[in-house]
Amino acid sequence: MPDRPEELEQGAPLINDGLGRCLFVGTKDTLICEDGGFNPRLLSGRVPEVKPYLSRISGSVDYSDRPHE
């Protein structure tokens, strides 16, 4: 288990819903998200500028429940 980030608000669980979380510690900020990448956020509260779409891989196989990229 990683050390609890200082930026994580008091009372917020490091492991959420028993399934875990992902913690990415970078040089500029720390990103935390729930299992499966849901609800990602930067612990600083900063909102990054991101593209509103995902790039698709040309020629990828079509999956019935959407492509996994």
N, C-alpha and C. Protein backbone atom coordinates (compact mmCIF):
# COMPACT_ATOMS: atom_id res chain seq x y z
N MET A 1 0.86 -1.17 0.00
CA MET A 1 0.00 0.00 0.00
C MET A 1 0.91 1.24 0.00
N PRO A 2 0.61 2.20 -0.87
CA PRO A 2 1.43 3.42 -0.90
C PRO A 2 1.16 4.29 0.32
N ASP A 3 2.08 5.20 0.58
CA ASP A 3 1.85 6.19 1.63
C ASP A 3 0.67 7.07 1.25
N ARG A 4 -0.06 7.53 2.23
CA ARG A 4 -1.20 8.41 1.98
C ARG A 4 -0.69 9.77 1.52
N PRO A 5 -1.12 10.26 0.35
CA PRO A 5 -0.68 11.56 -0.13
C PRO A 5 -1.13 12.68 0.82
N GLU A 6 -0.26 13.62 1.08
CA GLU A 6 -0.59 14.75 1.95
C GLU A 6 -1.76 15.55 1.39
N GLU A 7 -1.89 15.59 0.07
CA GLU A 7 -2.95 16.39 -0.58
C GLU A 7 -4.33 15.75 -0.48
N LEU A 8 -4.41 14.48 -0.16
CA LEU A 8 -5.71 13.80 -0.07
C LEU A 8 -6.44 14.28 1.18
N GLU A 9 -7.65 14.78 0.98
CA GLU A 9 -8.40 15.39 2.08
C GLU A 9 -8.62 14.40 3.22
N GLN A 10 -8.65 14.94 4.42
CA GLN A 10 -8.86 14.12 5.62
C GLN A 10 -10.20 13.39 5.52
N GLY A 11 -10.21 12.14 5.90
CA GLY A 11 -11.44 11.35 5.88
C GLY A 11 -11.69 10.63 4.57
N ALA A 12 -11.01 11.04 3.50
CA ALA A 12 -11.19 10.36 2.22
C ALA A 12 -10.41 9.05 2.25
N PRO A 13 -11.04 7.94 1.89
CA PRO A 13 -10.34 6.66 1.94
C PRO A 13 -9.29 6.54 0.85
N LEU A 14 -8.17 5.91 1.18
CA LEU A 14 -7.15 5.65 0.17
C LEU A 14 -7.62 4.52 -0.74
N ILE A 15 -8.33 3.54 -0.16
CA ILE A 15 -8.94 2.47 -0.95
C ILE A 15 -10.43 2.73 -0.95
N ASN A 16 -11.01 2.89 -2.12
CA ASN A 16 -12.42 3.22 -2.23
C ASN A 16 -13.23 1.99 -2.60
N ASP A 17 -14.34 1.77 -2.03
CA ASP A 17 -15.33 0.71 -2.29
C ASP A 17 -14.75 -0.70 -2.26
N GLY A 18 -13.62 -0.88 -1.62
CA GLY A 18 -13.03 -2.21 -1.51
C GLY A 18 -12.32 -2.70 -2.75
N LEU A 19 -12.44 -1.97 -3.85
CA LEU A 19 -11.81 -2.39 -5.10
C LEU A 19 -10.47 -1.71 -5.35
N GLY A 20 -10.22 -0.64 -4.62
CA GLY A 20 -8.94 0.04 -4.78
C GLY A 20 -9.05 1.34 -5.54
N ARG A 21 -7.93 1.96 -5.70
CA ARG A 21 -7.79 3.19 -6.47
C ARG A 21 -6.46 3.13 -7.19
N CYS A 22 -6.31 3.99 -8.16
CA CYS A 22 -5.03 4.15 -8.85
C CYS A 22 -4.47 5.50 -8.44
N LEU A 23 -3.19 5.53 -8.17
CA LEU A 23 -2.52 6.74 -7.74
C LEU A 23 -1.31 6.93 -8.63
N PHE A 24 -1.27 8.04 -9.35
CA PHE A 24 -0.15 8.37 -10.22
C PHE A 24 0.54 9.60 -9.64
N VAL A 25 1.76 9.42 -9.18
CA VAL A 25 2.50 10.52 -8.57
C VAL A 25 3.50 11.05 -9.59
N GLY A 26 3.32 12.30 -9.98
CA GLY A 26 4.22 12.92 -10.95
C GLY A 26 5.02 14.03 -10.33
N THR A 27 5.80 14.70 -11.13
CA THR A 27 6.61 15.80 -10.63
C THR A 27 5.81 17.08 -10.47
N LYS A 28 4.68 17.20 -11.18
CA LYS A 28 3.88 18.42 -11.11
C LYS A 28 2.59 18.26 -10.31
N ASP A 29 2.08 17.05 -10.20
CA ASP A 29 0.80 16.82 -9.53
C ASP A 29 0.62 15.35 -9.25
N THR A 30 -0.45 15.00 -8.56
CA THR A 30 -0.80 13.61 -8.28
C THR A 30 -2.22 13.38 -8.77
N LEU A 31 -2.39 12.34 -9.57
CA LEU A 31 -3.69 11.98 -10.12
C LEU A 31 -4.20 10.77 -9.36
N ILE A 32 -5.46 10.80 -8.99
CA ILE A 32 -6.08 9.67 -8.32
C ILE A 32 -7.37 9.35 -9.06
N CYS A 33 -7.65 8.06 -9.22
CA CYS A 33 -8.90 7.64 -9.85
C CYS A 33 -9.35 6.33 -9.21
N GLU A 34 -10.62 6.05 -9.37
CA GLU A 34 -11.18 4.83 -8.81
C GLU A 34 -10.89 3.65 -9.73
N ASP A 35 -11.21 2.46 -9.29
CA ASP A 35 -11.01 1.26 -10.07
C ASP A 35 -11.61 1.43 -11.45
N GLY A 36 -10.90 1.01 -12.47
CA GLY A 36 -11.37 1.15 -13.84
C GLY A 36 -11.14 2.53 -14.42
N GLY A 37 -10.48 3.41 -13.69
CA GLY A 37 -10.19 4.75 -14.19
C GLY A 37 -11.34 5.73 -14.01
N PHE A 38 -12.36 5.36 -13.25
CA PHE A 38 -13.50 6.25 -13.05
C PHE A 38 -13.16 7.38 -12.09
N ASN A 39 -13.79 8.51 -12.31
CA ASN A 39 -13.66 9.70 -11.47
C ASN A 39 -12.22 10.16 -11.26
N PRO A 40 -11.48 10.36 -12.34
CA PRO A 40 -10.11 10.84 -12.17
C PRO A 40 -10.09 12.30 -11.74
N ARG A 41 -9.11 12.64 -10.90
CA ARG A 41 -8.94 14.04 -10.49
C ARG A 41 -7.52 14.26 -10.01
N LEU A 42 -7.10 15.49 -10.12
CA LEU A 42 -5.79 15.88 -9.61
C LEU A 42 -5.97 16.32 -8.16
N LEU A 43 -5.10 15.86 -7.29
CA LEU A 43 -5.25 16.17 -5.86
C LEU A 43 -5.05 17.65 -5.57
N SER A 44 -4.37 18.38 -6.45
CA SER A 44 -4.19 19.81 -6.25
C SER A 44 -5.49 20.58 -6.49
N GLY A 45 -6.45 19.94 -7.18
CA GLY A 45 -7.69 20.62 -7.53
C GLY A 45 -7.61 21.27 -8.90
N ARG A 46 -6.41 21.29 -9.48
CA ARG A 46 -6.22 21.88 -10.81
C ARG A 46 -7.01 21.08 -11.83
N VAL A 47 -7.59 21.77 -12.81
CA VAL A 47 -8.34 21.12 -13.88
C VAL A 47 -7.49 21.20 -15.15
N PRO A 48 -7.00 20.07 -15.64
CA PRO A 48 -6.14 20.09 -16.83
C PRO A 48 -6.94 20.33 -18.10
N GLU A 49 -6.26 20.84 -19.10
CA GLU A 49 -6.87 21.00 -20.42
C GLU A 49 -6.69 19.68 -21.16
N VAL A 50 -7.80 19.01 -21.45
CA VAL A 50 -7.75 17.74 -22.15
C VAL A 50 -8.68 17.77 -23.35
N LYS A 51 -8.38 16.94 -24.33
CA LYS A 51 -9.23 16.84 -25.51
C LYS A 51 -10.55 16.19 -25.10
N PRO A 52 -11.67 16.63 -25.66
CA PRO A 52 -12.98 16.07 -25.29
C PRO A 52 -13.29 14.74 -25.99
N TYR A 53 -12.31 14.13 -26.61
CA TYR A 53 -12.54 12.88 -27.31
C TYR A 53 -11.32 11.98 -27.17
N LEU A 54 -11.52 10.71 -27.45
CA LEU A 54 -10.42 9.76 -27.46
C LEU A 54 -9.98 9.50 -28.89
N SER A 55 -8.71 9.38 -29.10
CA SER A 55 -8.21 9.00 -30.42
C SER A 55 -8.54 7.53 -30.65
N ARG A 56 -8.94 7.20 -31.82
CA ARG A 56 -9.25 5.81 -32.16
C ARG A 56 -8.11 5.24 -32.98
N ILE A 57 -7.89 3.97 -32.81
CA ILE A 57 -6.86 3.28 -33.56
C ILE A 57 -7.47 2.82 -34.87
N SER A 58 -6.93 3.28 -35.99
CA SER A 58 -7.51 2.90 -37.28
C SER A 58 -7.35 1.41 -37.50
N GLY A 59 -8.40 0.78 -38.00
CA GLY A 59 -8.38 -0.65 -38.26
C GLY A 59 -8.55 -1.52 -37.04
N SER A 60 -8.92 -0.93 -35.90
CA SER A 60 -9.09 -1.73 -34.69
C SER A 60 -10.33 -2.62 -34.81
N VAL A 61 -10.32 -3.72 -34.08
CA VAL A 61 -11.44 -4.65 -34.10
C VAL A 61 -12.59 -4.03 -33.32
N ASP A 62 -13.80 -4.14 -33.86
CA ASP A 62 -14.97 -3.59 -33.19
C ASP A 62 -15.44 -4.56 -32.11
N TYR A 63 -15.58 -4.07 -30.91
CA TYR A 63 -16.09 -4.88 -29.80
C TYR A 63 -17.55 -4.54 -29.57
N SER A 64 -18.35 -5.50 -29.16
CA SER A 64 -19.77 -5.27 -28.96
C SER A 64 -20.05 -4.28 -27.85
N ASP A 65 -19.15 -4.18 -26.87
CA ASP A 65 -19.37 -3.23 -25.78
C ASP A 65 -18.44 -2.02 -25.91
N ARG A 66 -18.09 -1.66 -27.08
CA ARG A 66 -17.23 -0.53 -27.45
C ARG A 66 -15.75 -0.93 -27.42
N PRO A 67 -14.97 -0.27 -28.23
CA PRO A 67 -13.54 -0.60 -28.27
C PRO A 67 -12.84 -0.28 -26.94
N HIS A 68 -11.89 -1.10 -26.58
CA HIS A 68 -11.09 -0.90 -25.37
C HIS A 68 -9.73 -0.38 -25.80
N GLU A 69 -9.51 0.92 -25.61
CA GLU A 69 -8.26 1.54 -26.06
C GLU A 69 -7.64 2.32 -24.93
